[in-house]
């Protein structure tokens, strides 16, 4: 056991950065950029589909000064 620890401790190990690591990192960042861009598109589509609801919510927040406890129904009628 002591020989293995001593060997690992004094070994000359190093990480070699080759083209596979750079290619993997490039693909990773391209995929992240695509996902961020797609998420923005989805948010814009969601906003355009629910524009009237967002306007109603905005006006309800302004008229109630941020207190939303009274605008949602508490029981079914």
Protein backbone atom coordinates (compact mmCIF):
# COMPACT_ATOMS: atom_id res chain seq x y z
CA UNK A 1 0.00 0.00 0.00
CA UNK A 2 2.77 2.41 0.85
CA UNK A 3 4.49 1.75 -2.46
CA UNK A 4 1.31 2.56 -4.42
CA UNK A 5 0.76 5.82 -2.52
CA UNK A 6 4.39 6.77 -2.97
CA UNK A 7 4.24 5.93 -6.66
CA UNK A 8 1.10 8.03 -7.21
CA UNK A 9 2.44 10.87 -5.13
CA UNK A 10 5.72 11.10 -7.02
CA UNK A 11 4.43 10.10 -10.43
CA UNK A 12 4.90 12.31 -13.42
CA UNK A 13 1.26 12.22 -14.57
CA UNK A 14 -0.09 15.03 -16.67
CA UNK A 15 -3.17 15.79 -18.72
CA UNK A 16 -2.40 16.20 -22.37
CA UNK A 17 -4.74 18.58 -24.16
CA UNK A 18 -5.25 17.22 -27.65
CA UNK A 19 -7.68 17.92 -30.46
CA UNK A 20 -10.33 15.56 -29.04
CA UNK A 21 -10.72 17.73 -25.93
CA UNK A 22 -10.87 20.93 -27.97
CA UNK A 23 -13.39 19.38 -30.37
CA UNK A 24 -15.53 18.16 -27.45
CA UNK A 25 -15.45 21.61 -25.83
CA UNK A 26 -16.35 23.27 -29.14
CA UNK A 27 -19.32 20.94 -29.66
CA UNK A 28 -20.43 21.51 -26.06
CA UNK A 29 -20.40 25.30 -26.40
CA UNK A 30 -22.18 25.17 -29.76
CA UNK A 31 -24.92 23.00 -28.25
CA UNK A 32 -25.25 25.38 -25.29
CA UNK A 33 -25.60 28.33 -27.67
CA UNK A 34 -28.26 26.52 -29.70
CA UNK A 35 -30.22 25.67 -26.55
CA UNK A 36 -30.03 29.25 -25.24
CA UNK A 37 -31.20 30.61 -28.59
CA UNK A 38 -34.03 28.04 -28.79
CA UNK A 39 -35.13 28.91 -25.25
CA UNK A 40 -35.43 32.57 -26.23
CA UNK A 41 -37.60 31.59 -29.21
CA UNK A 42 -39.85 29.47 -26.97
CA UNK A 43 -40.24 32.35 -24.48
CA UNK A 44 -41.19 34.77 -27.26
CA UNK A 45 -43.74 32.29 -28.64
CA UNK A 46 -45.17 31.78 -25.15
CA UNK A 47 -45.47 35.53 -24.65
CA UNK A 48 -47.16 36.07 -28.02
CA UNK A 49 -49.64 33.23 -27.32
CA UNK A 50 -50.50 34.53 -23.85
CA UNK A 51 -50.27 38.27 -24.52
CA UNK A 52 -53.76 39.03 -23.21
CA UNK A 53 -53.14 37.09 -20.00
CA UNK A 54 -49.87 38.94 -19.40
CA UNK A 55 -51.62 42.28 -19.97
CA UNK A 56 -54.36 41.29 -17.51
CA UNK A 57 -51.80 40.20 -14.92
CA UNK A 58 -49.84 43.42 -15.37
CA UNK A 59 -52.94 45.56 -14.89
CA UNK A 60 -54.02 43.48 -11.87
CA UNK A 61 -50.63 43.94 -10.23
CA UNK A 62 -50.71 47.70 -10.90
CA UNK A 63 -54.26 48.14 -9.64
CA UNK A 64 -53.68 46.08 -6.49
CA UNK A 65 -50.19 47.53 -5.87
CA UNK A 66 -48.50 44.12 -5.99
CA UNK A 67 -50.95 42.34 -3.69
CA UNK A 68 -52.29 39.44 -5.74
CA UNK A 69 -54.16 37.73 -2.90
CA UNK A 70 -57.49 39.34 -3.87
CA UNK A 71 -57.47 38.89 -7.65
CA UNK A 72 -57.50 35.09 -7.75
CA UNK A 73 -60.72 33.33 -6.68
CA UNK A 74 -60.49 31.56 -3.36
CA UNK A 75 -63.44 29.24 -3.96
CA UNK A 76 -65.32 27.85 -6.95
CA UNK A 77 -68.68 29.51 -7.58
